[in-house]
PDB file of N, CA and C in Angstrom:
ATOM      1  N   MET A   1     182.451 160.016  70.666  1.00  0.00           N
ATOM      2  CA  MET A   1     183.609 159.542  69.923  1.00  0.00           C
ATOM      3  C   MET A   1     183.841 160.469  68.731  1.00  0.00           C
ATOM      4  N   GLU A   2     185.075 160.889  68.559  1.00  0.00           N
ATOM      5  CA  GLU A   2     185.434 161.690  67.388  1.00  0.00           C
ATOM      6  C   GLU A   2     185.795 160.746  66.245  1.00  0.00           C
ATOM      7  N   ILE A   3     185.134 160.895  65.122  1.00  0.00           N
ATOM      8  CA  ILE A   3     185.377 160.053  63.957  1.00  0.00           C
ATOM      9  C   ILE A   3     186.342 160.780  63.028  1.00  0.00           C
ATOM     10  N   THR A   4     187.453 160.093  62.702  1.00  0.00           N
ATOM     11  CA  THR A   4     188.439 160.610  61.755  1.00  0.00           C
ATOM     12  C   THR A   4     188.803 159.497  60.785  1.00  0.00           C
ATOM     13  N   LYS A   5     189.624 159.834  59.805  1.00  0.00           N
ATOM     14  CA  LYS A   5     190.090 158.809  58.859  1.00  0.00           C
ATOM     15  C   LYS A   5     190.935 157.749  59.565  1.00  0.00           C
ATOM     16  N   GLN A   6     191.520 158.112  60.700  1.00  0.00           N
ATOM     17  CA  GLN A   6     192.352 157.166  61.429  1.00  0.00           C
ATOM     18  C   GLN A   6     191.547 156.297  62.400  1.00  0.00           C
ATOM     19  N   SER A   7     190.258 156.584  62.548  1.00  0.00           N
ATOM     20  CA  SER A   7     189.407 155.776  63.428  1.00  0.00           C
ATOM     21  C   SER A   7     189.365 154.343  62.908  1.00  0.00           C
ATOM     22  N   VAL A   8     189.392 153.404  63.828  1.00  0.00           N
ATOM     23  CA  VAL A   8     189.326 151.985  63.470  1.00  0.00           C
ATOM     24  C   VAL A   8     187.871 151.623  63.184  1.00  0.00           C
ATOM     25  N   VAL A   9     187.656 150.935  62.087  1.00  0.00           N
ATOM     26  CA  VAL A   9     186.306 150.568  61.662  1.00  0.00           C
ATOM     27  C   VAL A   9     185.559 149.865  62.801  1.00  0.00           C
ATOM     28  N   GLY A  10     186.197 148.916  63.440  1.00  0.00           N
ATOM     29  CA  GLY A  10     185.553 148.179  64.530  1.00  0.00           C
ATOM     30  C   GLY A  10     185.144 149.078  65.678  1.00  0.00           C
ATOM     31  N   ASP A  11     185.955 150.073  65.989  1.00  0.00           N
ATOM     32  CA  ASP A  11     185.622 151.001  67.071  1.00  0.00           C
ATOM     33  C   ASP A  11     184.398 151.839  66.715  1.00  0.00           C
ATOM     34  N   VAL A  12     184.338 152.261  65.462  1.00  0.00           N
ATOM     35  CA  VAL A  12     183.190 153.053  65.003  1.00  0.00           C
ATOM     36  C   VAL A  12     181.922 152.207  65.085  1.00  0.00           C
ATOM     37  N   LEU A  13     182.003 150.961  64.633  1.00  0.00           N
ATOM     38  CA  LEU A  13     180.847 150.066  64.671  1.00  0.00           C
ATOM     39  C   LEU A  13     180.421 149.755  66.103  1.00  0.00           C
ATOM     40  N   ASP A  14     181.388 149.611  66.999  1.00  0.00           N
ATOM     41  CA  ASP A  14     181.054 149.370  68.407  1.00  0.00           C
ATOM     42  C   ASP A  14     180.365 150.593  69.008  1.00  0.00           C
ATOM     43  N   PHE A  15     180.830 151.773  68.639  1.00  0.00           N
ATOM     44  CA  PHE A  15     180.259 153.022  69.150  1.00  0.00           C
ATOM     45  C   PHE A  15     178.826 153.214  68.649  1.00  0.00           C
ATOM     46  N   ASP A  16     178.609 152.937  67.349  1.00  0.00           N
ATOM     47  CA  ASP A  16     177.283 153.106  66.758  1.00  0.00           C
ATOM     48  C   ASP A  16     177.092 152.072  65.651  1.00  0.00           C
ATOM     49  N   PRO A  17     176.500 150.923  65.985  1.00  0.00           N
ATOM     50  CA  PRO A  17     176.315 149.854  65.002  1.00  0.00           C
ATOM     51  C   PRO A  17     175.517 150.276  63.764  1.00  0.00           C
ATOM     52  N   THR A  18     174.716 151.334  63.884  1.00  0.00           N
ATOM     53  CA  THR A  18     173.922 151.750  62.718  1.00  0.00           C
ATOM     54  C   THR A  18     174.786 152.371  61.623  1.00  0.00           C
ATOM     55  N   THR A  19     176.053 152.656  61.916  1.00  0.00           N
ATOM     56  CA  THR A  19     176.949 153.178  60.878  1.00  0.00           C
ATOM     57  C   THR A  19     177.347 152.091  59.885  1.00  0.00           C
ATOM     58  N   ALA A  20     177.028 150.850  60.182  1.00  0.00           N
ATOM     59  CA  ALA A  20     177.372 149.741  59.277  1.00  0.00           C
ATOM     60  C   ALA A  20     176.853 149.982  57.870  1.00  0.00           C
ATOM     61  N   GLU A  21     175.703 150.640  57.750  1.00  0.00           N
ATOM     62  CA  GLU A  21     175.131 150.878  56.420  1.00  0.00           C
ATOM     63  C   GLU A  21     176.094 151.646  55.518  1.00  0.00           C
ATOM     64  N   TYR A  22     176.900 152.538  56.075  1.00  0.00           N
ATOM     65  CA  TYR A  22     177.827 153.330  55.270  1.00  0.00           C
ATOM     66  C   TYR A  22     179.025 152.494  54.810  1.00  0.00           C
ATOM     67  N   PHE A  23     179.440 151.559  55.643  1.00  0.00           N
ATOM     68  CA  PHE A  23     180.522 150.658  55.233  1.00  0.00           C
ATOM     69  C   PHE A  23     180.012 149.661  54.199  1.00  0.00           C
ATOM     70  N   LEU A  24     178.803 149.163  54.383  1.00  0.00           N
ATOM     71  CA  LEU A  24     178.216 148.246  53.404  1.00  0.00           C
ATOM     72  C   LEU A  24     178.009 148.950  52.067  1.00  0.00           C
ATOM     73  N   GLU A  25     177.587 150.204  52.130  1.00  0.00           N
ATOM     74  CA  GLU A  25     177.362 151.013  50.936  1.00  0.00           C
ATOM     75  C   GLU A  25     178.629 151.139  50.085  1.00  0.00           C
ATOM     76  N   MET A  26     179.788 151.182  50.736  1.00  0.00           N
ATOM     77  CA  MET A  26     181.042 151.343  50.011  1.00  0.00           C
ATOM     78  C   MET A  26     181.612 150.012  49.541  1.00  0.00           C
ATOM     79  N   GLY A  27     180.922 148.895  49.856  1.00  0.00           N
ATOM     80  CA  GLY A  27     181.361 147.581  49.406  1.00  0.00           C
ATOM     81  C   GLY A  27     182.101 146.782  50.452  1.00  0.00           C
ATOM     82  N   MET A  28     182.129 147.257  51.681  1.00  0.00           N
ATOM     83  CA  MET A  28     182.817 146.545  52.763  1.00  0.00           C
ATOM     84  C   MET A  28     181.805 145.622  53.439  1.00  0.00           C
ATOM     85  N   HIS A  29     181.644 144.430  52.868  1.00  0.00           N
ATOM     86  CA  HIS A  29     180.593 143.517  53.316  1.00  0.00           C
ATOM     87  C   HIS A  29     181.025 142.542  54.399  1.00  0.00           C
ATOM     88  N   CYS A  30     182.295 142.495  54.711  1.00  0.00           N
ATOM     89  CA  CYS A  30     182.767 141.545  55.729  1.00  0.00           C
ATOM     90  C   CYS A  30     183.121 142.298  57.016  1.00  0.00           C
ATOM     91  N   LEU A  31     182.165 143.026  57.562  1.00  0.00           N
ATOM     92  CA  LEU A  31     182.415 143.872  58.721  1.00  0.00           C
ATOM     93  C   LEU A  31     182.845 143.102  59.958  1.00  0.00           C
ATOM     94  N   GLY A  32     182.502 141.836  60.036  1.00  0.00           N
ATOM     95  CA  GLY A  32     182.852 141.054  61.213  1.00  0.00           C
ATOM     96  C   GLY A  32     184.213 140.390  61.140  1.00  0.00           C
ATOM     97  N   CYS A  33     184.872 140.404  59.982  1.00  0.00           N
ATOM     98  CA  CYS A  33     186.161 139.726  59.878  1.00  0.00           C
ATOM     99  C   CYS A  33     187.239 140.527  60.617  1.00  0.00           C
ATOM    100  N   PRO A  34     188.225 139.847  61.166  1.00  0.00           N
ATOM    101  CA  PRO A  34     189.237 140.525  61.994  1.00  0.00           C
ATOM    102  C   PRO A  34     189.963 141.674  61.297  1.00  0.00           C
ATOM    103  N   SER A  35     190.313 141.516  60.038  1.00  0.00           N
ATOM    104  CA  SER A  35     191.060 142.600  59.383  1.00  0.00           C
ATOM    105  C   SER A  35     190.172 143.822  59.170  1.00  0.00           C
ATOM    106  N   ALA A  36     188.912 143.622  58.821  1.00  0.00           N
ATOM    107  CA  ALA A  36     188.009 144.750  58.623  1.00  0.00           C
ATOM    108  C   ALA A  36     187.749 145.470  59.939  1.00  0.00           C
ATOM    109  N   ARG A  37     187.664 144.735  61.010  1.00  0.00           N
ATOM    110  CA  ARG A  37     187.386 145.347  62.314  1.00  0.00           C
ATOM    111  C   ARG A  37     188.618 146.052  62.870  1.00  0.00           C
ATOM    112  N   GLY A  38     189.794 145.753  62.332  1.00  0.00           N
ATOM    113  CA  GLY A  38     191.009 146.336  62.876  1.00  0.00           C
ATOM    114  C   GLY A  38     191.673 147.394  62.017  1.00  0.00           C
ATOM    115  N   GLU A  39     191.116 147.659  60.834  1.00  0.00           N
ATOM    116  CA  GLU A  39     191.766 148.653  59.974  1.00  0.00           C
ATOM    117  C   GLU A  39     191.108 150.016  60.112  1.00  0.00           C
ATOM    118  N   SER A  40     191.851 151.028  59.750  1.00  0.00           N
ATOM    119  CA  SER A  40     191.325 152.391  59.835  1.00  0.00           C
ATOM    120  C   SER A  40     190.334 152.635  58.698  1.00  0.00           C
ATOM    121  N   ILE A  41     189.520 153.652  58.871  1.00  0.00           N
ATOM    122  CA  ILE A  41     188.595 154.045  57.805  1.00  0.00           C
ATOM    123  C   ILE A  41     189.392 154.376  56.550  1.00  0.00           C
ATOM    124  N   GLU A  42     190.502 155.069  56.726  1.00  0.00           N
ATOM    125  CA  GLU A  42     191.332 155.452  55.586  1.00  0.00           C
ATOM    126  C   GLU A  42     191.843 154.225  54.827  1.00  0.00           C
ATOM    127  N   ASP A  43     192.313 153.216  55.553  1.00  0.00           N
ATOM    128  CA  ASP A  43     192.807 151.992  54.908  1.00  0.00           C
ATOM    129  C   ASP A  43     191.681 151.241  54.202  1.00  0.00           C
ATOM    130  N   ALA A  44     190.532 151.159  54.860  1.00  0.00           N
ATOM    131  CA  ALA A  44     189.389 150.467  54.258  1.00  0.00           C
ATOM    132  C   ALA A  44     188.952 151.172  52.974  1.00  0.00           C
ATOM    133  N   CYS A  45     188.935 152.480  53.005  1.00  0.00           N
ATOM    134  CA  CYS A  45     188.548 153.239  51.815  1.00  0.00           C
ATOM    135  C   CYS A  45     189.546 153.057  50.681  1.00  0.00           C
ATOM    136  N   ALA A  46     190.819 153.008  51.020  1.00  0.00           N
ATOM    137  CA  ALA A  46     191.849 152.810  49.997  1.00  0.00           C
ATOM    138  C   ALA A  46     191.660 151.473  49.290  1.00  0.00           C
ATOM    139  N   VAL A  47     191.356 150.438  50.053  1.00  0.00           N
ATOM    140  CA  VAL A  47     191.162 149.103  49.484  1.00  0.00           C
ATOM    141  C   VAL A  47     189.928 149.064  48.580  1.00  0.00           C
ATOM    142  N   HIS A  48     188.896 149.806  48.972  1.00  0.00           N
ATOM    143  CA  HIS A  48     187.630 149.764  48.249  1.00  0.00           C
ATOM    144  C   HIS A  48     187.441 150.917  47.269  1.00  0.00           C
ATOM    145  N   GLY A  49     188.460 151.751  47.108  1.00  0.00           N
ATOM    146  CA  GLY A  49     188.391 152.839  46.139  1.00  0.00           C
ATOM    147  C   GLY A  49     187.357 153.904  46.472  1.00  0.00           C
ATOM    148  N   VAL A  50     187.233 154.207  47.764  1.00  0.00           N
ATOM    149  CA  VAL A  50     186.246 155.179  48.236  1.00  0.00           C
ATOM    150  C   VAL A  50     186.977 156.364  48.860  1.00  0.00           C
ATOM    151  N   ASP A  51     186.414 157.547  48.741  1.00  0.00           N
ATOM    152  CA  ASP A  51     186.985 158.753  49.327  1.00  0.00           C
ATOM    153  C   ASP A  51     186.769 158.719  50.842  1.00  0.00           C
ATOM    154  N   ALA A  52     187.847 158.649  51.604  1.00  0.00           N
ATOM    155  CA  ALA A  52     187.774 158.540  53.061  1.00  0.00           C
ATOM    156  C   ALA A  52     187.140 159.778  53.683  1.00  0.00           C
ATOM    157  N   ASP A  53     187.455 160.952  53.166  1.00  0.00           N
ATOM    158  CA  ASP A  53     186.882 162.184  53.712  1.00  0.00           C
ATOM    159  C   ASP A  53     185.360 162.191  53.564  1.00  0.00           C
ATOM    160  N   GLU A  54     184.898 161.750  52.414  1.00  0.00           N
ATOM    161  CA  GLU A  54     183.454 161.705  52.154  1.00  0.00           C
ATOM    162  C   GLU A  54     182.766 160.729  53.102  1.00  0.00           C
ATOM    163  N   LEU A  55     183.363 159.555  53.305  1.00  0.00           N
ATOM    164  CA  LEU A  55     182.776 158.566  54.202  1.00  0.00           C
ATOM    165  C   LEU A  55     182.748 159.081  55.636  1.00  0.00           C
ATOM    166  N   VAL A  56     183.828 159.694  56.081  1.00  0.00           N
ATOM    167  CA  VAL A  56     183.884 160.243  57.438  1.00  0.00           C
ATOM    168  C   VAL A  56     182.793 161.287  57.628  1.00  0.00           C
ATOM    169  N   GLU A  57     182.599 162.143  56.645  1.00  0.00           N
ATOM    170  CA  GLU A  57     181.566 163.173  56.750  1.00  0.00           C
ATOM    171  C   GLU A  57     180.170 162.554  56.819  1.00  0.00           C
ATOM    172  N   LYS A  58     179.921 161.507  56.035  1.00  0.00           N
ATOM    173  CA  LYS A  58     178.623 160.808  56.088  1.00  0.00           C
ATOM    174  C   LYS A  58     178.391 160.223  57.482  1.00  0.00           C
ATOM    175  N   ILE A  59     179.416 159.590  58.028  1.00  0.00           N
ATOM    176  CA  ILE A  59     179.280 158.962  59.339  1.00  0.00           C
ATOM    177  C   ILE A  59     179.063 160.029  60.420  1.00  0.00           C
ATOM    178  N   LYS A  60     179.817 161.109  60.346  1.00  0.00           N
ATOM    179  CA  LYS A  60     179.655 162.191  61.328  1.00  0.00           C
ATOM    180  C   LYS A  60     178.241 162.779  61.267  1.00  0.00           C
ATOM    181  N   ALA A  61     177.730 162.994  60.074  1.00  0.00           N
ATOM    182  CA  ALA A  61     176.385 163.544  59.918  1.00  0.00           C
ATOM    183  C   ALA A  61     175.352 162.575  60.481  1.00  0.00           C
ATOM    184  N   HIS A  62     175.550 161.301  60.260  1.00  0.00           N
ATOM    185  CA  HIS A  62     174.629 160.293  60.769  1.00  0.00           C
ATOM    186  C   HIS A  62     174.618 160.281  62.299  1.00  0.00           C
ATOM    187  N   ILE A  63     175.791 160.329  62.895  1.00  0.00           N
ATOM    188  CA  ILE A  63     175.900 160.282  64.352  1.00  0.00           C
ATOM    189  C   ILE A  63     175.319 161.556  64.973  1.00  0.00           C
ATOM    190  N   ALA A  64     175.445 162.672  64.275  1.00  0.00           N
ATOM    191  CA  ALA A  64     174.965 163.944  64.807  1.00  0.00           C
ATOM    192  C   ALA A  64     173.434 164.046  64.843  1.00  0.00           C
ATOM    193  N   LYS A  65     172.750 163.159  64.138  1.00  0.00           N
ATOM    194  CA  LYS A  65     171.265 163.208  64.083  1.00  0.00           C
ATOM    195  C   LYS A  65     170.664 162.979  65.445  1.00  0.00           C
TER     196      LYS A  65
END
């Protein structure tokens, strides 16, 4: 799976549940709620005041391990 800012949070979590730590780290604690599972990484970052590019890079590095 290619991870981008437009990737849906729920899709990323389904692909690799261990990425949840990065969403929790940014303050996104309701990962199971419908809106969190359906929004893009970019939208989630905007709501939580986090740099989407930085989060995407962290997730990509984690998946590449």
